[in-house]
Amino acid sequence: MACCPCATAPSPKRGWRALFDYYVFGPPERPAEHLPIHARGDLAPLDDQRARRLRARLLNRLNR
């Protein structure tokens, strides 16, 4: 076996780490920086009104 793709593939653990580093532990503006501000939805910066709406939506879904 001269070429085995499994031998050079990244481990699943490294893949998950990269995903979490990017979306969870990285700078908060990075995951949405390619989107226009009006298209970011829940990834847009939070103001008081947006925070209230997000909190209400989460509570509504958790209380079902």
PDB file of N, CA and C in Angstrom:
ATOM      1  N   MET A   1       0.833  -1.172   0.000  1.00  0.00           N
ATOM      2  CA  MET A   1       0.000   0.000   0.000  1.00  0.00           C
ATOM      3  C   MET A   1       0.880   1.238   0.000  1.00  0.00           C
ATOM      4  N   ALA A   2       1.026   1.791  -1.156  1.00  0.00           N
ATOM      5  CA  ALA A   2       1.892   2.957  -1.294  1.00  0.00           C
ATOM      6  C   ALA A   2       1.223   4.223  -0.776  1.00  0.00           C
ATOM      7  N   CYS A   3      -0.082   4.308  -0.943  1.00  0.00           N
ATOM      8  CA  CYS A   3      -0.772   5.537  -0.547  1.00  0.00           C
ATOM      9  C   CYS A   3      -2.017   5.186   0.245  1.00  0.00           C
ATOM     10  N   CYS A   4      -2.031   5.570   1.482  1.00  0.00           N
ATOM     11  CA  CYS A   4      -3.191   5.318   2.326  1.00  0.00           C
ATOM     12  C   CYS A   4      -3.731   6.656   2.814  1.00  0.00           C
ATOM     13  N   PRO A   5      -4.915   7.056   2.350  1.00  0.00           N
ATOM     14  CA  PRO A   5      -5.436   8.360   2.743  1.00  0.00           C
ATOM     15  C   PRO A   5      -5.659   8.499   4.248  1.00  0.00           C
ATOM     16  N   CYS A   6      -5.885   7.386   4.931  1.00  0.00           N
ATOM     17  CA  CYS A   6      -6.114   7.452   6.375  1.00  0.00           C
ATOM     18  C   CYS A   6      -4.859   7.869   7.128  1.00  0.00           C
ATOM     19  N   ALA A   7      -3.715   7.550   6.574  1.00  0.00           N
ATOM     20  CA  ALA A   7      -2.471   7.869   7.263  1.00  0.00           C
ATOM     21  C   ALA A   7      -2.188   9.365   7.271  1.00  0.00           C
ATOM     22  N   THR A   8      -2.703  10.104   6.297  1.00  0.00           N
ATOM     23  CA  THR A   8      -2.432  11.533   6.232  1.00  0.00           C
ATOM     24  C   THR A   8      -3.628  12.385   6.638  1.00  0.00           C
ATOM     25  N   ALA A   9      -4.769  11.770   6.898  1.00  0.00           N
ATOM     26  CA  ALA A   9      -5.966  12.528   7.279  1.00  0.00           C
ATOM     27  C   ALA A   9      -5.813  13.039   8.713  1.00  0.00           C
ATOM     28  N   PRO A  10      -6.300  14.242   8.971  1.00  0.00           N
ATOM     29  CA  PRO A  10      -6.232  14.759  10.333  1.00  0.00           C
ATOM     30  C   PRO A  10      -7.148  13.956  11.257  1.00  0.00           C
ATOM     31  N   SER A  11      -6.787  13.886  12.504  1.00  0.00           N
ATOM     32  CA  SER A  11      -7.610  13.139  13.449  1.00  0.00           C
ATOM     33  C   SER A  11      -8.910  13.901  13.700  1.00  0.00           C
ATOM     34  N   PRO A  12      -9.980  13.197  14.025  1.00  0.00           N
ATOM     35  CA  PRO A  12     -11.242  13.880  14.326  1.00  0.00           C
ATOM     36  C   PRO A  12     -11.092  14.864  15.493  1.00  0.00           C
ATOM     37  N   LYS A  13     -10.264  14.524  16.448  1.00  0.00           N
ATOM     38  CA  LYS A  13     -10.063  15.401  17.606  1.00  0.00           C
ATOM     39  C   LYS A  13      -9.492  16.753  17.167  1.00  0.00           C
ATOM     40  N   ARG A  14      -8.532  16.736  16.252  1.00  0.00           N
ATOM     41  CA  ARG A  14      -7.964  17.999  15.755  1.00  0.00           C
ATOM     42  C   ARG A  14      -8.993  18.786  14.966  1.00  0.00           C
ATOM     43  N   GLY A  15      -9.845  18.086  14.236  1.00  0.00           N
ATOM     44  CA  GLY A  15     -10.899  18.755  13.487  1.00  0.00           C
ATOM     45  C   GLY A  15     -11.883  19.463  14.410  1.00  0.00           C
ATOM     46  N   TRP A  16     -12.312  18.765  15.469  1.00  0.00           N
ATOM     47  CA  TRP A  16     -13.222  19.383  16.432  1.00  0.00           C
ATOM     48  C   TRP A  16     -12.556  20.566  17.134  1.00  0.00           C
ATOM     49  N   ARG A  17     -11.274  20.403  17.451  1.00  0.00           N
ATOM     50  CA  ARG A  17     -10.561  21.494  18.123  1.00  0.00           C
ATOM     51  C   ARG A  17     -10.513  22.728  17.229  1.00  0.00           C
ATOM     52  N   ALA A  18     -10.219  22.529  15.946  1.00  0.00           N
ATOM     53  CA  ALA A  18     -10.168  23.654  15.011  1.00  0.00           C
ATOM     54  C   ALA A  18     -11.532  24.327  14.910  1.00  0.00           C
ATOM     55  N   LEU A  19     -12.593  23.542  14.862  1.00  0.00           N
ATOM     56  CA  LEU A  19     -13.942  24.080  14.789  1.00  0.00           C
ATOM     57  C   LEU A  19     -14.266  24.920  16.025  1.00  0.00           C
ATOM     58  N   PHE A  20     -13.971  24.384  17.208  1.00  0.00           N
ATOM     59  CA  PHE A  20     -14.237  25.121  18.438  1.00  0.00           C
ATOM     60  C   PHE A  20     -13.338  26.343  18.564  1.00  0.00           C
ATOM     61  N   ASP A  21     -12.081  26.223  18.165  1.00  0.00           N
ATOM     62  CA  ASP A  21     -11.183  27.385  18.220  1.00  0.00           C
ATOM     63  C   ASP A  21     -11.713  28.517  17.346  1.00  0.00           C
ATOM     64  N   TYR A  22     -12.253  28.172  16.209  1.00  0.00           N
ATOM     65  CA  TYR A  22     -12.746  29.185  15.273  1.00  0.00           C
ATOM     66  C   TYR A  22     -14.049  29.815  15.761  1.00  0.00           C
ATOM     67  N   TYR A  23     -15.043  28.981  16.085  1.00  0.00           N
ATOM     68  CA  TYR A  23     -16.377  29.495  16.390  1.00  0.00           C
ATOM     69  C   TYR A  23     -16.594  29.866  17.853  1.00  0.00           C
ATOM     70  N   VAL A  24     -15.959  29.167  18.785  1.00  0.00           N
ATOM     71  CA  VAL A  24     -16.255  29.380  20.202  1.00  0.00           C
ATOM     72  C   VAL A  24     -15.190  30.222  20.894  1.00  0.00           C
ATOM     73  N   PHE A  25     -13.925  29.886  20.673  1.00  0.00           N
ATOM     74  CA  PHE A  25     -12.863  30.534  21.430  1.00  0.00           C
ATOM     75  C   PHE A  25     -12.142  31.644  20.677  1.00  0.00           C
ATOM     76  N   GLY A  26     -12.417  31.791  19.394  1.00  0.00           N
ATOM     77  CA  GLY A  26     -11.774  32.836  18.612  1.00  0.00           C
ATOM     78  C   GLY A  26     -12.444  34.181  18.828  1.00  0.00           C
ATOM     79  N   PRO A  27     -11.928  35.212  18.168  1.00  0.00           N
ATOM     80  CA  PRO A  27     -12.557  36.531  18.276  1.00  0.00           C
ATOM     81  C   PRO A  27     -14.027  36.463  17.847  1.00  0.00           C
ATOM     82  N   PRO A  28     -14.926  37.119  18.576  1.00  0.00           N
ATOM     83  CA  PRO A  28     -16.358  36.964  18.295  1.00  0.00           C
ATOM     84  C   PRO A  28     -16.799  37.472  16.927  1.00  0.00           C
ATOM     85  N   GLU A  29     -16.050  38.381  16.328  1.00  0.00           N
ATOM     86  CA  GLU A  29     -16.462  38.904  15.023  1.00  0.00           C
ATOM     87  C   GLU A  29     -15.993  38.031  13.861  1.00  0.00           C
ATOM     88  N   ARG A  30     -15.083  37.126  14.080  1.00  0.00           N
ATOM     89  CA  ARG A  30     -14.499  36.352  12.986  1.00  0.00           C
ATOM     90  C   ARG A  30     -15.472  35.444  12.234  1.00  0.00           C
ATOM     91  N   PRO A  31     -16.339  34.653  12.886  1.00  0.00           N
ATOM     92  CA  PRO A  31     -17.208  33.753  12.115  1.00  0.00           C
ATOM     93  C   PRO A  31     -18.154  34.457  11.154  1.00  0.00           C
ATOM     94  N   ALA A  32     -18.482  35.718  11.407  1.00  0.00           N
ATOM     95  CA  ALA A  32     -19.453  36.405  10.554  1.00  0.00           C
ATOM     96  C   ALA A  32     -18.848  37.571   9.793  1.00  0.00           C
ATOM     97  N   GLU A  33     -17.548  37.736   9.822  1.00  0.00           N
ATOM     98  CA  GLU A  33     -16.960  38.939   9.220  1.00  0.00           C
ATOM     99  C   GLU A  33     -17.168  39.021   7.715  1.00  0.00           C
ATOM    100  N   HIS A  34     -17.406  37.894   7.056  1.00  0.00           N
ATOM    101  CA  HIS A  34     -17.621  37.912   5.609  1.00  0.00           C
ATOM    102  C   HIS A  34     -19.056  38.285   5.242  1.00  0.00           C
ATOM    103  N   LEU A  35     -19.968  38.331   6.227  1.00  0.00           N
ATOM    104  CA  LEU A  35     -21.372  38.648   5.972  1.00  0.00           C
ATOM    105  C   LEU A  35     -21.643  40.135   6.170  1.00  0.00           C
ATOM    106  N   PRO A  36     -22.509  40.723   5.356  1.00  0.00           N
ATOM    107  CA  PRO A  36     -22.912  42.103   5.626  1.00  0.00           C
ATOM    108  C   PRO A  36     -23.649  42.176   6.965  1.00  0.00           C
ATOM    109  N   ILE A  37     -23.576  43.299   7.630  1.00  0.00           N
ATOM    110  CA  ILE A  37     -24.136  43.432   8.978  1.00  0.00           C
ATOM    111  C   ILE A  37     -25.629  43.094   9.014  1.00  0.00           C
ATOM    112  N   HIS A  38     -26.380  43.438   7.978  1.00  0.00           N
ATOM    113  CA  HIS A  38     -27.815  43.167   7.974  1.00  0.00           C
ATOM    114  C   HIS A  38     -28.136  41.680   7.790  1.00  0.00           C
ATOM    115  N   ALA A  39     -27.177  40.885   7.349  1.00  0.00           N
ATOM    116  CA  ALA A  39     -27.412  39.465   7.099  1.00  0.00           C
ATOM    117  C   ALA A  39     -26.850  38.562   8.196  1.00  0.00           C
ATOM    118  N   ARG A  40     -26.322  39.128   9.250  1.00  0.00           N
ATOM    119  CA  ARG A  40     -25.671  38.324  10.294  1.00  0.00           C
ATOM    120  C   ARG A  40     -26.638  37.675  11.262  1.00  0.00           C
ATOM    121  N   GLY A  41     -27.836  38.164  11.364  1.00  0.00           N
ATOM    122  CA  GLY A  41     -28.810  37.552  12.271  1.00  0.00           C
ATOM    123  C   GLY A  41     -28.292  37.519  13.698  1.00  0.00           C
ATOM    124  N   ASP A  42     -28.284  36.346  14.308  1.00  0.00           N
ATOM    125  CA  ASP A  42     -27.842  36.210  15.697  1.00  0.00           C
ATOM    126  C   ASP A  42     -26.336  36.404  15.863  1.00  0.00           C
ATOM    127  N   LEU A  43     -25.607  36.446  14.773  1.00  0.00           N
ATOM    128  CA  LEU A  43     -24.158  36.665  14.869  1.00  0.00           C
ATOM    129  C   LEU A  43     -23.794  38.153  14.861  1.00  0.00           C
ATOM    130  N   ALA A  44     -24.780  39.021  14.665  1.00  0.00           N
ATOM    131  CA  ALA A  44     -24.531  40.466  14.674  1.00  0.00           C
ATOM    132  C   ALA A  44     -24.254  40.927  16.104  1.00  0.00           C
ATOM    133  N   PRO A  45     -23.575  42.056  16.254  1.00  0.00           N
ATOM    134  CA  PRO A  45     -23.336  42.577  17.606  1.00  0.00           C
ATOM    135  C   PRO A  45     -24.668  42.798  18.333  1.00  0.00           C
ATOM    136  N   LEU A  46     -24.675  42.490  19.636  1.00  0.00           N
ATOM    137  CA  LEU A  46     -25.902  42.596  20.422  1.00  0.00           C
ATOM    138  C   LEU A  46     -26.087  43.997  20.980  1.00  0.00           C
ATOM    139  N   ASP A  47     -27.266  44.541  20.745  1.00  0.00           N
ATOM    140  CA  ASP A  47     -27.683  45.738  21.460  1.00  0.00           C
ATOM    141  C   ASP A  47     -28.782  45.278  22.432  1.00  0.00           C
ATOM    142  N   ASP A  48     -29.344  46.188  23.213  1.00  0.00           N
ATOM    143  CA  ASP A  48     -30.337  45.788  24.211  1.00  0.00           C
ATOM    144  C   ASP A  48     -31.561  45.122  23.584  1.00  0.00           C
ATOM    145  N   GLN A  49     -32.065  45.693  22.511  1.00  0.00           N
ATOM    146  CA  GLN A  49     -33.264  45.146  21.877  1.00  0.00           C
ATOM    147  C   GLN A  49     -33.003  43.756  21.293  1.00  0.00           C
ATOM    148  N   ARG A  50     -31.891  43.606  20.603  1.00  0.00           N
ATOM    149  CA  ARG A  50     -31.563  42.305  19.998  1.00  0.00           C
ATOM    150  C   ARG A  50     -31.337  41.246  21.084  1.00  0.00           C
ATOM    151  N   ALA A  51     -30.707  41.632  22.202  1.00  0.00           N
ATOM    152  CA  ALA A  51     -30.478  40.701  23.310  1.00  0.00           C
ATOM    153  C   ALA A  51     -31.804  40.251  23.913  1.00  0.00           C
ATOM    154  N   ARG A  52     -32.765  41.180  24.071  1.00  0.00           N
ATOM    155  CA  ARG A  52     -34.081  40.821  24.610  1.00  0.00           C
ATOM    156  C   ARG A  52     -34.813  39.852  23.693  1.00  0.00           C
ATOM    157  N   ARG A  53     -34.762  40.119  22.375  1.00  0.00           N
ATOM    158  CA  ARG A  53     -35.441  39.226  21.426  1.00  0.00           C
ATOM    159  C   ARG A  53     -34.811  37.835  21.428  1.00  0.00           C
ATOM    160  N   LEU A  54     -33.490  37.783  21.456  1.00  0.00           N
ATOM    161  CA  LEU A  54     -32.792  36.493  21.465  1.00  0.00           C
ATOM    162  C   LEU A  54     -33.111  35.719  22.742  1.00  0.00           C
ATOM    163  N   ARG A  55     -33.102  36.410  23.881  1.00  0.00           N
ATOM    164  CA  ARG A  55     -33.420  35.765  25.149  1.00  0.00           C
ATOM    165  C   ARG A  55     -34.850  35.233  25.133  1.00  0.00           C
ATOM    166  N   ALA A  56     -35.802  36.031  24.653  1.00  0.00           N
ATOM    167  CA  ALA A  56     -37.203  35.598  24.592  1.00  0.00           C
ATOM    168  C   ALA A  56     -37.361  34.382  23.681  1.00  0.00           C
ATOM    169  N   ARG A  57     -36.682  34.391  22.538  1.00  0.00           N
ATOM    170  CA  ARG A  57     -36.770  33.256  21.613  1.00  0.00           C
ATOM    171  C   ARG A  57     -36.191  31.990  22.238  1.00  0.00           C
ATOM    172  N   LEU A  58     -35.055  32.121  22.909  1.00  0.00           N
ATOM    173  CA  LEU A  58     -34.455  30.952  23.575  1.00  0.00           C
ATOM    174  C   LEU A  58     -35.345  30.411  24.691  1.00  0.00           C
ATOM    175  N   LEU A  59     -35.877  31.309  25.506  1.00  0.00           N
ATOM    176  CA  LEU A  59     -36.781  30.866  26.588  1.00  0.00           C
ATOM    177  C   LEU A  59     -38.010  30.191  26.022  1.00  0.00           C
ATOM    178  N   ASN A  60     -38.551  30.724  24.945  1.00  0.00           N
ATOM    179  CA  ASN A  60     -39.725  30.133  24.309  1.00  0.00           C
ATOM    180  C   ASN A  60     -39.427  28.714  23.825  1.00  0.00           C
ATOM    181  N   ARG A  61     -38.306  28.544  23.207  1.00  0.00           N
ATOM    182  CA  ARG A  61     -37.951  27.202  22.691  1.00  0.00           C
ATOM    183  C   ARG A  61     -37.619  26.229  23.805  1.00  0.00           C
ATOM    184  N   LEU A  62     -37.008  26.709  24.873  1.00  0.00           N
ATOM    185  CA  LEU A  62     -36.667  25.817  25.993  1.00  0.00           C
ATOM    186  C   LEU A  62     -37.885  25.419  26.799  1.00  0.00           C
ATOM    187  N   ASN A  63     -38.924  26.239  26.809  1.00  0.00           N
ATOM    188  CA  ASN A  63     -40.121  25.960  27.602  1.00  0.00           C
ATOM    189  C   ASN A  63     -41.179  25.151  26.852  1.00  0.00           C
ATOM    190  N   ARG A  64     -40.897  24.690  25.682  1.00  0.00           N
ATOM    191  CA  ARG A  64     -41.873  23.888  24.915  1.00  0.00           C
ATOM    192  C   ARG A  64     -42.073  22.539  25.529  1.00  0.00           C
TER     193      ARG A  64
END
